[in-house]
C-alpha atoms as a PDB file:
ATOM      1  CA  MET A   1       0.000   0.000   0.000  1.00  0.00           C
ATOM      2  CA  ILE A   2       2.697   2.496   1.041  1.00  0.00           C
ATOM      3  CA  ALA A   3       4.867   1.632  -1.941  1.00  0.00           C
ATOM      4  CA  ASN A   4       1.880   2.224  -4.241  1.00  0.00           C
ATOM      5  CA  LEU A   5       1.249   5.626  -2.677  1.00  0.00           C
ATOM      6  CA  VAL A   6       4.886   6.591  -3.218  1.00  0.00           C
ATOM      7  CA  ILE A   7       4.771   5.477  -6.860  1.00  0.00           C
ATOM      8  CA  ALA A   8       1.505   7.312  -7.470  1.00  0.00           C
ATOM      9  CA  ALA A   9       2.893  10.570  -6.136  1.00  0.00           C
ATOM     10  CA  ALA A  10       6.128  10.281  -8.086  1.00  0.00           C
ATOM     11  CA  ALA A  11       4.269   9.605 -11.337  1.00  0.00           C
ATOM     12  CA  LEU A  12       2.747  13.100 -11.355  1.00  0.00           C
ATOM     13  CA  ALA A  13       4.736  16.070 -12.639  1.00  0.00           C
ATOM     14  CA  ALA A  14       3.828  19.113 -10.555  1.00  0.00           C
ATOM     15  CA  VAL A  15       6.806  21.311  -9.651  1.00  0.00           C
ATOM     16  CA  THR A  16       6.990  23.988  -6.949  1.00  0.00           C
ATOM     17  CA  THR A  17       9.689  26.643  -6.950  1.00  0.00           C
ATOM     18  CA  THR A  18       9.606  29.586  -4.564  1.00  0.00           C
ATOM     19  CA  ALA A  19      11.792  31.797  -2.460  1.00  0.00           C
ATOM     20  CA  ALA A  20       9.036  32.557   0.028  1.00  0.00           C
ATOM     21  CA  PRO A  21       9.576  31.784   3.736  1.00  0.00           C
ATOM     22  CA  GLU A  22       6.886  29.101   3.543  1.00  0.00           C
ATOM     23  CA  ILE A  23       5.138  26.898   1.010  1.00  0.00           C
ATOM     24  CA  PRO A  24       1.394  26.319   1.505  1.00  0.00           C
ATOM     25  CA  VAL A  25       0.910  22.615   0.799  1.00  0.00           C
ATOM     26  CA  GLY A  26      -2.700  22.261   1.963  1.00  0.00           C
ATOM     27  CA  ARG A  27      -4.997  25.215   2.646  1.00  0.00           C
ATOM     28  CA  PHE A  28      -8.021  23.263   3.758  1.00  0.00           C
ATOM     29  CA  SER A  29      -9.165  26.107   6.038  1.00  0.00           C
ATOM     30  CA  ALA A  30      -9.859  28.106   2.871  1.00  0.00           C
ATOM     31  CA  GLY A  31     -11.587  25.176   1.177  1.00  0.00           C
ATOM     32  CA  ASP A  32      -8.682  24.956  -1.255  1.00  0.00           C
ATOM     33  CA  VAL A  33      -7.963  21.442  -2.536  1.00  0.00           C
ATOM     34  CA  SER A  34      -6.181  22.493  -5.717  1.00  0.00           C
ATOM     35  CA  GLY A  35      -3.325  20.185  -6.633  1.00  0.00           C
ATOM     36  CA  TRP A  36      -4.586  17.348  -4.433  1.00  0.00           C
ATOM     37  CA  SER A  37      -5.667  14.072  -6.022  1.00  0.00           C
ATOM     38  CA  GLU A  38      -7.046  10.883  -4.548  1.00  0.00           C
ATOM     39  CA  LYS A  39      -5.253   7.553  -4.920  1.00  0.00           C
ATOM     40  CA  THR A  40      -7.340   4.486  -4.136  1.00  0.00           C
ATOM     41  CA  PHE A  41      -5.839   1.178  -3.040  1.00  0.00           C
ATOM     42  CA  LYS A  42      -8.646  -0.856  -1.497  1.00  0.00           C
ATOM     43  CA  GLY A  43     -12.129   0.474  -1.063  1.00  0.00           C
ATOM     44  CA  HIS A  44     -12.626   4.207  -0.671  1.00  0.00           C
ATOM     45  CA  THR A  45     -11.808   6.531   2.191  1.00  0.00           C
ATOM     46  CA  GLY A  46     -14.131   9.493   1.916  1.00  0.00           C
ATOM     47  CA  TYR A  47     -12.386  12.872   1.850  1.00  0.00           C
ATOM     48  CA  ALA A  48     -14.283  16.165   1.985  1.00  0.00           C
ATOM     49  CA  ILE A  49     -13.848  19.686   3.324  1.00  0.00           C
ATOM     50  CA  ASP A  50     -15.711  19.954   6.622  1.00  0.00           C
ATOM     51  CA  ASN A  51     -15.692  23.129   8.741  1.00  0.00           C
ATOM     52  CA  GLY A  52     -12.338  24.306   7.421  1.00  0.00           C
ATOM     53  CA  ALA A  53     -10.577  20.945   7.535  1.00  0.00           C
ATOM     54  CA  MET A  54     -10.184  17.868   5.364  1.00  0.00           C
ATOM     55  CA  LYS A  55     -12.358  15.176   6.889  1.00  0.00           C
ATOM     56  CA  ALA A  56     -11.440  11.551   6.211  1.00  0.00           C
ATOM     57  CA  HIS A  57     -13.716   8.623   6.962  1.00  0.00           C
ATOM     58  CA  ALA A  58     -12.699   5.032   6.256  1.00  0.00           C
ATOM     59  CA  VAL A  59     -14.721   1.852   6.675  1.00  0.00           C
ATOM     60  CA  LYS A  60     -12.577  -1.193   5.821  1.00  0.00           C
ATOM     61  CA  ALA A  61     -10.956   0.943   3.133  1.00  0.00           C
ATOM     62  CA  ALA A  62      -7.712   2.613   2.115  1.00  0.00           C
ATOM     63  CA  SER A  63      -7.236   5.597  -0.139  1.00  0.00           C
ATOM     64  CA  GLY A  64      -5.094   8.681   0.225  1.00  0.00           C
ATOM     65  CA  MET A  65      -4.904  12.277  -0.937  1.00  0.00           C
ATOM     66  CA  VAL A  66      -1.622  13.277  -2.581  1.00  0.00           C
ATOM     67  CA  LYS A  67      -0.115  16.605  -3.605  1.00  0.00           C
ATOM     68  CA  THR A  68       3.004  16.521  -5.744  1.00  0.00           C
ATOM     69  CA  LEU A  69       5.655  19.201  -5.555  1.00  0.00           C
ATOM     70  CA  LYS A  70       9.400  19.537  -5.888  1.00  0.00           C
ATOM     71  CA  VAL A  71      11.081  21.142  -2.898  1.00  0.00           C
ATOM     72  CA  ASP A  72      14.576  21.137  -1.413  1.00  0.00           C
ATOM     73  CA  ALA A  73      13.978  19.667   2.048  1.00  0.00           C
ATOM     74  CA  LYS A  74      17.110  21.365   3.384  1.00  0.00           C
ATOM     75  CA  LYS A  75      15.725  24.799   2.453  1.00  0.00           C
ATOM     76  CA  TYR A  76      12.208  23.984   3.691  1.00  0.00           C
ATOM     77  CA  PRO A  77      12.712  21.413   6.459  1.00  0.00           C
ATOM     78  CA  ARG A  78       9.842  22.316   8.804  1.00  0.00           C
ATOM     79  CA  LEU A  79       6.615  20.487   8.053  1.00  0.00           C
ATOM     80  CA  THR A  80       3.693  21.779  10.114  1.00  0.00           C
ATOM     81  CA  TRP A  81       0.112  20.581  10.290  1.00  0.00           C
ATOM     82  CA  SER A  82      -2.799  20.001  12.644  1.00  0.00           C
ATOM     83  CA  TRP A  83      -5.134  17.034  13.007  1.00  0.00           C
ATOM     84  CA  ARG A  84      -7.930  15.587  15.097  1.00  0.00           C
ATOM     85  CA  ILE A  85      -9.273  12.051  15.497  1.00  0.00           C
ATOM     86  CA  ASP A  86     -12.331  10.368  16.976  1.00  0.00           C
ATOM     87  CA  HIS A  87     -10.402   7.312  18.210  1.00  0.00           C
ATOM     88  CA  THR A  88      -7.406   5.161  17.373  1.00  0.00           C
ATOM     89  CA  LEU A  89      -7.537   1.682  15.827  1.00  0.00           C
ATOM     90  CA  LYS A  90      -7.450  -1.077  18.436  1.00  0.00           C
ATOM     91  CA  ARG A  91      -6.315  -3.760  15.963  1.00  0.00           C
ATOM     92  CA  GLU A  92      -3.414  -1.656  14.706  1.00  0.00           C
ATOM     93  CA  ASP A  93      -0.112  -3.589  14.609  1.00  0.00           C
ATOM     94  CA  VAL A  94       2.900  -1.892  13.022  1.00  0.00           C
ATOM     95  CA  LYS A  95       4.774  -5.230  12.888  1.00  0.00           C
ATOM     96  CA  SER A  96       2.182  -6.969  10.713  1.00  0.00           C
ATOM     97  CA  LYS A  97       0.672  -6.322   7.288  1.00  0.00           C
ATOM     98  CA  SER A  98      -2.693  -7.332   8.739  1.00  0.00           C
ATOM     99  CA  GLY A  99      -2.411  -4.483  11.237  1.00  0.00           C
ATOM    100  CA  ASP A 100      -0.783  -1.813   9.076  1.00  0.00           C
ATOM    101  CA  ASP A 101      -3.518   0.819   9.449  1.00  0.00           C
ATOM    102  CA  PHE A 102      -3.578   4.169  11.216  1.00  0.00           C
ATOM    103  CA  VAL A 103      -6.401   6.555  11.955  1.00  0.00           C
ATOM    104  CA  ALA A 104      -4.280   9.421  10.573  1.00  0.00           C
ATOM    105  CA  ARG A 105      -1.089   9.647   8.538  1.00  0.00           C
ATOM    106  CA  VAL A 106       0.842  12.504   6.954  1.00  0.00           C
ATOM    107  CA  TYR A 107       3.429  11.309   4.419  1.00  0.00           C
ATOM    108  CA  VAL A 108       6.468  12.965   2.912  1.00  0.00           C
ATOM    109  CA  ILE A 109       7.625  11.231  -0.253  1.00  0.00           C
ATOM    110  CA  PHE A 110      11.129  11.294  -1.716  1.00  0.00           C
ATOM    111  CA  PRO A 111      11.331   9.902  -5.279  1.00  0.00           C
ATOM    112  CA  ARG A 112      14.672   8.525  -6.379  1.00  0.00           C
ATOM    113  CA  THR A 113      16.182   7.361  -9.661  1.00  0.00           C
ATOM    114  CA  PHE A 114      14.474   3.968  -9.583  1.00  0.00           C
ATOM    115  CA  ILE A 115      10.903   3.425  -8.384  1.00  0.00           C
ATOM    116  CA  TRP A 116      11.889   0.608  -6.011  1.00  0.00           C
ATOM    117  CA  ARG A 117      14.362   2.955  -4.297  1.00  0.00           C
ATOM    118  CA  MET A 118      11.804   5.670  -3.498  1.00  0.00           C
ATOM    119  CA  ARG A 119      11.558   6.478   0.173  1.00  0.00           C
ATOM    120  CA  ALA A 120       8.893   7.871   2.427  1.00  0.00           C
ATOM    121  CA  ILE A 121       8.371   8.930   6.000  1.00  0.00           C
ATOM    122  CA  ASN A 122       4.848   8.699   7.343  1.00  0.00           C
ATOM    123  CA  TYR A 123       4.007  10.504  10.525  1.00  0.00           C
ATOM    124  CA  VAL A 124       1.156   8.725  12.263  1.00  0.00           C
ATOM    125  CA  TRP A 125      -1.286   9.003  15.127  1.00  0.00           C
ATOM    126  CA  SER A 126      -0.836   5.546  16.580  1.00  0.00           C
ATOM    127  CA  ALA A 127      -2.877   3.479  18.988  1.00  0.00           C
ATOM    128  CA  LYS A 128       0.009   1.407  20.351  1.00  0.00           C
ATOM    129  CA  MET A 129       3.390   2.750  19.241  1.00  0.00           C
ATOM    130  CA  PRO A 130       4.939   4.934  21.971  1.00  0.00           C
ATOM    131  CA  LYS A 131       5.052   8.605  21.052  1.00  0.00           C
ATOM    132  CA  GLY A 132       8.372   9.362  19.364  1.00  0.00           C
ATOM    133  CA  SER A 133       9.060   5.746  18.408  1.00  0.00           C
ATOM    134  CA  GLU A 134       9.884   4.636  14.877  1.00  0.00           C
ATOM    135  CA  ALA A 135       9.488   1.486  12.798  1.00  0.00           C
ATOM    136  CA  ARG A 136       9.810   0.336   9.213  1.00  0.00           C
ATOM    137  CA  SER A 137       6.690  -0.473   7.266  1.00  0.00           C
ATOM    138  CA  PRO A 138       5.834  -4.190   7.120  1.00  0.00           C
ATOM    139  CA  TYR A 139       5.357  -3.666   3.376  1.00  0.00           C
ATOM    140  CA  THR A 140       8.685  -2.019   2.511  1.00  0.00           C
ATOM    141  CA  SER A 141      11.841  -1.046   4.373  1.00  0.00           C
ATOM    142  CA  ASN A 142      11.959   2.122   2.252  1.00  0.00           C
ATOM    143  CA  SER A 143       9.062   3.562   4.230  1.00  0.00           C
ATOM    144  CA  ALA A 144       9.521   4.647   7.833  1.00  0.00           C
ATOM    145  CA  ILE A 145       6.706   5.099  10.359  1.00  0.00           C
ATOM    146  CA  VAL A 146       7.109   7.750  13.060  1.00  0.00           C
ATOM    147  CA  ALA A 147       4.583   7.913  15.899  1.00  0.00           C
ATOM    148  CA  VAL A 148       3.947  11.620  16.395  1.00  0.00           C
ATOM    149  CA  GLU A 149       0.944  11.001  18.665  1.00  0.00           C
ATOM    150  CA  SER A 150      -0.122   7.894  20.565  1.00  0.00           C
ATOM    151  CA  GLY A 151      -3.320   6.724  22.194  1.00  0.00           C
ATOM    152  CA  ASP A 152      -6.704   8.341  22.740  1.00  0.00           C
ATOM    153  CA  GLU A 153      -5.861  10.884  25.420  1.00  0.00           C
ATOM    154  CA  LYS A 154      -6.024  13.757  22.899  1.00  0.00           C
ATOM    155  CA  ALA A 155      -8.839  12.270  20.792  1.00  0.00           C
ATOM    156  CA  GLY A 156     -11.484  14.856  19.991  1.00  0.00           C
ATOM    157  CA  ASN A 157      -8.997  17.730  20.237  1.00  0.00           C
ATOM    158  CA  TRP A 158      -7.039  19.549  17.577  1.00  0.00           C
ATOM    159  CA  VAL A 159      -3.297  18.931  17.917  1.00  0.00           C
ATOM    160  CA  PHE A 160      -0.610  20.994  16.175  1.00  0.00           C
ATOM    161  CA  GLU A 161       2.514  19.196  14.915  1.00  0.00           C
ATOM    162  CA  GLU A 162       5.905  20.186  13.548  1.00  0.00           C
ATOM    163  CA  ARG A 163       8.638  17.911  12.190  1.00  0.00           C
ATOM    164  CA  ASN A 164      12.020  18.599  10.632  1.00  0.00           C
ATOM    165  CA  ILE A 165      11.767  16.362   7.587  1.00  0.00           C
ATOM    166  CA  TYR A 166      15.367  17.026   6.547  1.00  0.00           C
ATOM    167  CA  GLU A 167      16.788  15.858   9.860  1.00  0.00           C
ATOM    168  CA  ASP A 168      14.322  12.964  10.090  1.00  0.00           C
ATOM    169  CA  TYR A 169      15.320  11.701   6.644  1.00  0.00           C
ATOM    170  CA  LYS A 170      19.046  11.901   7.391  1.00  0.00           C
ATOM    171  CA  ARG A 171      18.620  10.099  10.713  1.00  0.00           C
ATOM    172  CA  ILE A 172      16.371   7.365   9.362  1.00  0.00           C
ATOM    173  CA  PHE A 173      18.019   6.640   6.011  1.00  0.00           C
ATOM    174  CA  GLY A 174      21.593   7.742   6.730  1.00  0.00           C
ATOM    175  CA  GLU A 175      22.040  10.012   3.719  1.00  0.00           C
ATOM    176  CA  GLU A 176      21.177  13.407   2.313  1.00  0.00           C
ATOM    177  CA  PRO A 177      17.597  13.439   1.004  1.00  0.00           C
ATOM    178  CA  PRO A 178      16.745  13.893  -2.655  1.00  0.00           C
ATOM    179  CA  PRO A 179      14.197  16.624  -3.444  1.00  0.00           C
ATOM    180  CA  LEU A 180      10.872  16.167  -1.712  1.00  0.00           C
ATOM    181  CA  GLY A 181       8.419  14.917  -4.332  1.00  0.00           C
ATOM    182  CA  GLY A 182       5.076  14.952  -2.545  1.00  0.00           C
ATOM    183  CA  VAL A 183       3.014  15.184   0.598  1.00  0.00           C
ATOM    184  CA  ALA A 184       0.076  12.896   1.294  1.00  0.00           C
ATOM    185  CA  ILE A 185      -2.578  12.257   3.929  1.00  0.00           C
ATOM    186  CA  MET A 186      -4.318   8.963   4.551  1.00  0.00           C
ATOM    187  CA  THR A 187      -6.798   7.388   6.937  1.00  0.00           C
ATOM    188  CA  ASP A 188      -6.863   3.641   6.268  1.00  0.00           C
ATOM    189  CA  THR A 189      -8.655   0.669   7.792  1.00  0.00           C
ATOM    190  CA  ASP A 190      -8.505  -1.988   5.074  1.00  0.00           C
ATOM    191  CA  ASP A 191      -6.128  -4.286   6.959  1.00  0.00           C
ATOM    192  CA  THR A 192      -7.751  -3.983  10.389  1.00  0.00           C
ATOM    193  CA  GLN A 193     -11.293  -3.985   8.924  1.00  0.00           C
ATOM    194  CA  ASP A 194     -12.122  -1.072  11.195  1.00  0.00           C
ATOM    195  CA  ASP A 195     -13.986   2.241  11.040  1.00  0.00           C
ATOM    196  CA  ALA A 196     -12.122   5.532  11.601  1.00  0.00           C
ATOM    197  CA  THR A 197     -12.567   9.282  11.203  1.00  0.00           C
ATOM    198  CA  ALA A 198      -9.909  11.992  11.205  1.00  0.00           C
ATOM    199  CA  TRP A 199      -9.645  15.653  10.286  1.00  0.00           C
ATOM    200  CA  TYR A 200      -6.571  17.302   8.766  1.00  0.00           C
ATOM    201  CA  GLY A 201      -5.837  21.006   9.105  1.00  0.00           C
ATOM    202  CA  ASP A 202      -3.568  23.183   6.979  1.00  0.00           C
ATOM    203  CA  ILE A 203      -0.197  21.740   5.963  1.00  0.00           C
ATOM    204  CA  THR A 204       2.817  23.992   5.403  1.00  0.00           C
ATOM    205  CA  LEU A 205       6.515  23.670   4.588  1.00  0.00           C
ATOM    206  CA  ARG A 206       8.652  26.353   6.225  1.00  0.00           C
ATOM    207  CA  GLN A 207      12.215  27.564   6.105  1.00  0.00           C
ATOM    208  CA  PRO A 208      14.507  26.928   9.104  1.00  0.00           C
ATOM    209  CA  LYS A 209      14.013  29.064  12.177  1.00  0.00           C
ATOM    210  CA  ASP A 210      16.501  31.907  12.619  1.00  0.00           C
END
């Protein structure tokens, strides 16, 4: 599933070049979904603007929303976003393909010369992974899973996140990253056969802090 999402994003040709201090990736608060496209893998996760956010609802399904762009992650390392969930997935299991679902994911995708070498980091709201922990996807070692939030303590509340994707990539994969090729969101329940709802707020890439 993750490998397919990476391939789908890399296959599109959108290019972003800017010298601005930030790059607006998703402006859902303004109802703006331009540049975003849905990629379906199994069933259909419903995505729609709802009260200034992108609402995702999955019932035994997996599809994602992808926006392609070309950005130097060293110049724009700070990925910021907000999200909210109803509840986590109790049958989630990061070690098993049958449990490889999360109520909310935000991906950063790094295409490389060959499709099978493409890499991705997906930041997740996990049910069971400790906050701050990392794992490789059970589908491909080229995709890393980082638990940004864990458990249901904050369920029902908006939570703001920030990650340094440049430093994360270097730490996880042990090399300088190629240009960032896309950002994606996904709420998926096809493996766990569950029901989940999440909301995604605005997503932005920012230059380093002074």
